[in-house]
Protein backbone atom coordinates (compact mmCIF):
# COMPACT_ATOMS: atom_id res chain seq x y z
CA LEU A 1 54.43 -6.69 -1.49
CA SER A 2 51.21 -7.13 0.46
CA ASP A 3 51.37 -3.45 1.53
CA TYR A 4 51.76 -2.45 -2.12
CA LEU A 5 48.77 -4.58 -3.14
CA GLU A 6 46.79 -3.09 -0.24
CA THR A 7 47.34 0.44 -1.59
CA LYS A 8 46.02 -0.68 -4.99
CA ARG A 9 43.01 -2.30 -3.34
CA CYS A 10 42.26 0.86 -1.37
CA ALA A 11 42.34 2.84 -4.62
CA PHE A 12 39.97 0.43 -6.39
CA PRO A 13 38.14 -1.64 -3.74
CA ARG A 14 36.85 -4.24 -6.23
CA PHE A 15 40.41 -5.59 -6.30
CA TYR A 16 39.56 -7.18 -2.93
CA PHE A 17 37.60 -9.76 -4.95
CA LEU A 18 40.82 -10.95 -6.61
CA SER A 19 43.57 -13.10 -5.14
CA ASP A 20 47.11 -11.69 -4.85
CA ASP A 21 48.23 -13.70 -7.89
CA GLU A 22 45.40 -12.43 -10.06
CA LEU A 23 45.99 -8.84 -8.99
CA LEU A 24 49.71 -9.14 -9.78
CA GLN A 25 48.80 -10.43 -13.25
CA ILE A 26 46.90 -7.20 -13.90
CA LEU A 27 49.45 -4.88 -12.29
CA GLY A 28 52.44 -6.58 -13.92
CA THR A 29 51.50 -5.66 -17.49
CA SER A 30 50.90 -2.42 -19.36
CA ASP A 31 48.23 -4.09 -21.51
CA PRO A 32 44.78 -2.75 -20.49
CA THR A 33 43.02 -5.85 -21.92
CA ALA A 34 44.65 -7.97 -19.20
CA VAL A 35 41.66 -7.17 -16.97
CA GLN A 36 39.27 -9.02 -19.32
CA GLU A 37 39.66 -12.49 -17.81
CA HIS A 38 38.97 -11.14 -14.30
CA MET A 39 35.92 -9.01 -15.15
CA LEU A 40 33.41 -11.56 -13.83
CA LYS A 41 35.11 -11.47 -10.43
CA LEU A 42 35.25 -7.67 -10.36
CA TYR A 43 31.65 -7.11 -11.46
CA ASP A 44 28.39 -8.92 -10.81
CA ASN A 45 27.76 -9.99 -14.39
CA THR A 46 30.17 -8.16 -16.68
CA ALA A 47 32.07 -10.75 -18.69
CA ALA A 48 34.15 -8.25 -20.67
CA LEU A 49 34.78 -4.62 -21.47
CA THR A 50 34.53 -3.50 -25.09
CA PHE A 51 37.86 -1.95 -26.14
CA ASP A 52 38.71 -0.20 -29.39
CA ARG A 53 41.34 -1.79 -31.66
CA THR A 54 44.31 -0.26 -29.92
CA GLY A 55 43.04 -1.02 -26.42
CA SER A 56 43.35 2.64 -25.45
CA LYS A 57 39.61 3.31 -25.12
CA VAL A 58 36.81 1.51 -23.28
CA LEU A 59 33.61 1.67 -25.32
CA GLY A 60 31.14 -0.35 -23.25
CA MET A 61 30.35 -3.57 -21.36
CA VAL A 62 29.24 -7.08 -22.30
CA SER A 63 27.46 -9.50 -19.95
CA SER A 64 28.06 -13.25 -19.83
CA GLU A 65 24.87 -13.76 -21.89
CA LYS A 66 26.30 -11.45 -24.62
CA GLU A 67 23.96 -8.57 -23.85
CA SER A 68 25.91 -5.33 -24.19
CA PHE A 69 25.59 -1.56 -23.94
CA PRO A 70 27.84 1.30 -25.13
CA PHE A 71 29.09 3.95 -22.69
CA ALA A 72 27.65 7.44 -23.10
CA THR A 73 31.20 8.80 -22.90
CA VAL A 74 34.15 6.76 -24.20
CA GLN A 75 36.76 6.34 -21.45
CA LEU A 76 40.53 6.27 -21.98
CA THR A 77 42.76 3.60 -20.41
CA GLU A 78 45.40 6.12 -19.35
CA GLY A 79 47.48 6.05 -16.19
CA ALA A 80 47.43 3.41 -13.47
CA VAL A 81 45.03 0.51 -13.93
CA GLU A 82 43.19 1.20 -10.65
CA SER A 83 42.46 4.80 -11.68
CA TRP A 84 41.03 4.08 -15.14
CA LEU A 85 39.04 1.12 -13.80
CA GLY A 86 37.55 3.52 -11.25
CA VAL A 87 36.56 5.85 -14.07
CA VAL A 88 35.04 2.92 -15.99
CA GLU A 89 32.97 1.97 -12.93
CA ALA A 90 31.71 5.55 -12.58
CA GLU A 91 30.86 5.60 -16.31
CA MET A 92 28.88 2.33 -15.97
CA ILE A 93 26.76 3.95 -13.24
CA ASP A 94 26.32 7.19 -15.18
CA THR A 95 25.38 5.51 -18.49
CA LEU A 96 22.97 3.04 -16.90
CA ARG A 97 21.28 5.89 -15.03
CA ARG A 98 20.75 7.76 -18.29
CA ILE A 99 19.38 4.64 -20.01
CA MET A 100 17.12 3.98 -17.01
CA LYS A 101 15.73 7.52 -17.04
CA GLU A 102 14.98 7.41 -20.76
CA ALA A 103 13.38 3.95 -20.64
CA THR A 104 11.23 4.87 -17.62
CA TYR A 105 10.10 8.03 -19.41
CA TYR A 106 8.99 6.16 -22.56
CA TYR A 107 7.34 3.23 -20.76
CA PRO A 108 3.73 4.54 -20.61
CA SER A 109 3.69 5.79 -24.22
CA THR A 110 5.11 2.62 -25.82
CA ASP A 111 3.62 -0.84 -26.29
CA ARG A 112 5.04 -2.95 -23.46
CA VAL A 113 6.45 -5.75 -25.62
CA GLU A 114 8.02 -3.28 -28.08
CA TRP A 115 9.51 -1.33 -25.15
CA LEU A 116 10.92 -4.57 -23.81
CA LYS A 117 12.72 -5.40 -27.07
CA LYS A 118 14.53 -2.05 -27.12
CA ASN A 119 15.96 -1.98 -23.58
CA LEU A 120 18.46 -3.73 -21.32
CA GLY A 121 17.21 -6.49 -19.03
CA MET A 122 17.95 -4.72 -15.74
CA VAL A 123 16.40 -1.50 -17.06
CA ILE A 124 13.21 -3.35 -18.06
CA ASN A 125 12.82 -4.98 -14.64
CA THR A 126 13.38 -1.75 -12.71
CA GLY A 127 11.36 0.44 -15.09
CA ALA A 128 8.39 -1.91 -14.98
CA GLN A 129 8.54 -2.00 -11.17
CA ILE A 130 8.75 1.82 -10.96
CA TRP A 131 5.58 2.16 -13.04
CA TRP A 132 3.80 -0.66 -11.23
CA THR A 133 4.49 1.07 -7.87
CA PHE A 134 3.27 4.37 -9.33
CA GLU A 135 0.08 2.73 -10.63
CA VAL A 136 -0.66 1.08 -7.29
CA ASN A 137 -0.31 4.44 -5.52
CA ASP A 138 -2.58 5.91 -8.18
CA VAL A 139 -5.19 3.24 -7.41
CA PHE A 140 -5.02 4.09 -3.69
CA ASP A 141 -5.71 7.75 -4.65
CA LYS A 142 -8.69 6.74 -6.78
CA VAL A 143 -10.09 4.56 -3.99
CA ARG A 144 -9.77 7.46 -1.57
CA LYS A 145 -11.72 9.64 -3.98
CA GLY A 146 -14.53 7.08 -4.07
CA ASP A 147 -13.69 4.67 -6.93
CA LYS A 148 -14.67 1.42 -5.17
CA MET A 149 -13.64 -0.81 -8.09
CA GLY A 150 -10.20 0.77 -8.60
CA MET A 151 -8.18 -2.17 -7.27
CA LYS A 152 -10.25 -4.77 -9.16
CA THR A 153 -9.81 -2.85 -12.42
CA PHE A 154 -6.06 -2.71 -11.82
CA ALA A 155 -6.00 -6.45 -11.06
CA THR A 156 -7.61 -7.09 -14.46
CA LYS A 157 -4.95 -4.91 -16.12
CA ASN A 158 -2.20 -6.90 -14.37
CA HIS A 159 -3.65 -10.18 -15.63
CA GLN A 160 -3.83 -8.77 -19.16
CA GLN A 161 -0.22 -7.55 -19.12
CA LEU A 162 0.94 -10.97 -17.98
CA ASN A 163 -1.05 -12.72 -20.72
CA ASP A 164 0.47 -10.37 -23.32
CA LEU A 165 3.96 -11.38 -22.17
CA ILE A 166 3.06 -15.07 -22.31
CA VAL A 167 1.89 -14.63 -25.91
CA ALA A 168 5.10 -12.67 -26.70
CA VAL A 169 7.45 -15.27 -25.21
CA ARG A 170 6.01 -17.94 -27.50
CA ASP A 171 6.57 -15.73 -30.50
CA THR A 172 10.00 -14.07 -30.28
CA SER A 173 11.15 -15.82 -33.47
CA GLY A 174 14.48 -17.00 -32.15
CA ASP A 175 15.94 -13.91 -30.42
CA LYS A 176 17.41 -15.50 -27.30
CA LEU A 177 18.07 -12.22 -25.48
CA THR A 178 14.46 -11.02 -25.87
CA THR A 179 13.17 -14.39 -24.65
CA LYS A 180 15.35 -14.12 -21.54
CA ARG A 181 14.15 -10.57 -20.89
CA ILE A 182 10.50 -11.61 -21.19
CA ASN A 183 11.03 -14.65 -18.93
CA THR A 184 12.48 -12.48 -16.17
CA LEU A 185 9.72 -9.89 -16.50
CA ILE A 186 7.09 -12.66 -16.35
CA ILE A 187 8.49 -13.75 -12.98
CA ILE A 188 8.27 -10.17 -11.68
CA ASP A 189 4.80 -9.69 -13.19
CA VAL A 190 3.45 -12.90 -11.65
CA HIS A 191 4.56 -11.63 -8.25
CA ALA A 192 3.00 -8.21 -8.92
CA ARG A 193 -0.26 -9.85 -9.99
CA ASP A 194 -0.32 -12.02 -6.85
CA ILE A 195 0.16 -8.97 -4.62
CA ILE A 196 -2.72 -7.08 -6.27
CA ASP A 197 -4.98 -10.17 -6.14
CA LYS A 198 -4.20 -10.38 -2.42
CA PHE A 199 -5.07 -6.67 -2.00
CA VAL A 200 -8.42 -7.30 -3.71
CA ARG A 201 -9.09 -10.34 -1.54
CA ASP A 202 -8.11 -8.68 1.75
CA SER A 203 -9.45 -5.25 0.66
CA VAL A 204 -6.16 -3.42 1.23
CA LEU A 205 -7.18 0.10 0.14
CA ASP A 206 -4.76 2.46 1.85
CA GLU A 207 -1.09 3.05 1.10
CA ARG A 208 -0.29 3.19 4.84
CA GLU A 209 -1.25 -0.46 5.34
CA PHE A 210 1.57 -2.83 6.25
CA ALA A 211 0.70 -5.14 3.34
CA TRP A 212 1.82 -2.32 1.00
CA GLU A 213 4.55 -0.79 3.21
CA SER A 214 6.27 -4.17 3.41
CA GLN A 215 6.64 -4.53 -0.36
CA LEU A 216 9.90 -3.69 -2.13
CA ARG A 217 8.83 -0.51 -3.94
CA PHE A 218 10.71 1.36 -6.68
CA TYR A 219 10.18 5.09 -7.30
CA TRP A 220 11.62 7.61 -9.73
CA ASP A 221 12.10 10.58 -7.44
CA ARG A 222 12.00 13.84 -9.39
CA GLU A 223 13.81 15.90 -6.77
CA VAL A 224 16.92 13.74 -6.69
CA ASP A 225 16.29 12.68 -10.32
CA ASP A 226 17.11 9.06 -9.53
CA VAL A 227 15.63 5.70 -8.56
CA LEU A 228 14.75 5.29 -4.88
CA ILE A 229 13.83 1.96 -3.30
CA ARG A 230 11.62 1.81 -0.22
CA GLN A 231 10.59 -1.01 2.07
CA CYS A 232 9.11 -0.48 5.54
CA SER A 233 11.37 2.14 7.15
CA GLY A 234 14.27 1.60 4.75
CA LEU A 235 15.16 3.96 1.90
CA PHE A 236 17.90 3.10 -0.60
CA ASN A 237 19.48 4.41 -3.76
CA PHE A 238 19.68 2.18 -6.80
CA GLY A 239 23.20 0.80 -7.31
CA TYR A 240 23.41 0.64 -11.15
CA GLU A 241 25.60 -2.45 -11.09
CA TYR A 242 25.29 -3.95 -14.56
CA GLN A 243 23.28 -7.18 -14.23
CA GLY A 244 23.17 -8.43 -17.81
CA LEU A 245 20.42 -11.04 -18.13
CA ASN A 246 21.18 -13.12 -15.06
CA GLY A 247 17.50 -14.02 -14.57
CA ARG A 248 15.40 -14.21 -11.44
CA LEU A 249 14.28 -17.00 -9.19
CA VAL A 250 10.55 -17.26 -8.55
CA ILE A 251 9.55 -14.68 -5.92
CA THR A 252 7.70 -16.31 -3.00
CA PRO A 253 6.42 -14.90 0.32
CA LEU A 254 9.69 -16.22 1.78
CA THR A 255 11.66 -14.12 -0.73
CA ASP A 256 9.69 -11.07 0.38
CA ARG A 257 10.50 -11.79 4.00
CA CYS A 258 14.14 -12.22 3.03
CA TYR A 259 14.18 -8.80 1.30
CA MET A 260 12.59 -7.29 4.37
CA THR A 261 15.24 -8.79 6.66
CA CYS A 262 18.01 -7.48 4.37
CA THR A 263 16.61 -3.98 3.86
CA GLN A 264 15.86 -3.45 7.55
CA ALA A 265 19.32 -4.70 8.54
CA LEU A 266 20.92 -2.31 6.05
CA HIS A 267 18.67 0.50 7.23
CA TYR A 268 19.88 0.05 10.82
CA ARG A 269 23.50 -0.28 9.64
CA LEU A 270 23.66 -3.96 10.66
CA GLY A 271 25.13 -6.95 8.87
CA CYS A 272 22.78 -9.33 7.14
CA ALA A 273 23.32 -13.07 6.72
CA PRO A 274 19.98 -14.91 6.75
CA ALA A 275 20.47 -18.54 7.77
CA GLY A 276 18.29 -21.59 7.22
CA PRO A 277 15.75 -21.95 4.39
CA ALA A 278 15.48 -18.16 3.89
CA GLY A 279 19.22 -17.77 3.42
CA THR A 280 19.34 -20.57 0.89
């Protein structure tokens, strides 16, 4: 029996997150909706899949906060459970990548608060960070070309964006999902503002400086047509694991150091288990 379960787990590795009993529950029935109660264990924050009435098609995903998105291509629940779950996982990645690309494209031409109301939480956080990274690089270019006040002007813009969000969060007239999205973006924006204020204070004016290299930076790379994440010597692809609206803890200098430990460990193909206060 354990050999049999092992073959299923090799076919769909997320089954390793389930106990033998739970896996047998899924494998022992022909009903595709039997996976629903285990979704939170299989995915980071996917509480349920959206099925059609007959249960033969998967239409999208729902997070535990009831945020949801439809798949770009409807997937059939045909064949063995591990094979169609694999297809569903691939579809999650593909759909979220499309949504991310579109949202990132429309960010500069849309009012920030309006943009925020239209998009998924994880897409908002990443899209905003992609543009923030781009704008910081742009400021470094301007400074190199002789604009001495470039960084100060950008700092003012950061403060203004944050104030706009604070006004918006007081006035979302009862939409809980939008409030959660704004709250998370405020946490990211506060951190971004602090970094830029520090650059102004310490006159960090070159993109090769460690103060900038050591930040977790998001880019939309046109050649690979995907999100790339850089920090120090590390370079990573975005994972497109659906996050729902799971929120963020406040980002402190210790968090930054934690990210750096993790990204460098991954970059050198090492394990990463920070202990002590940082790990907590």
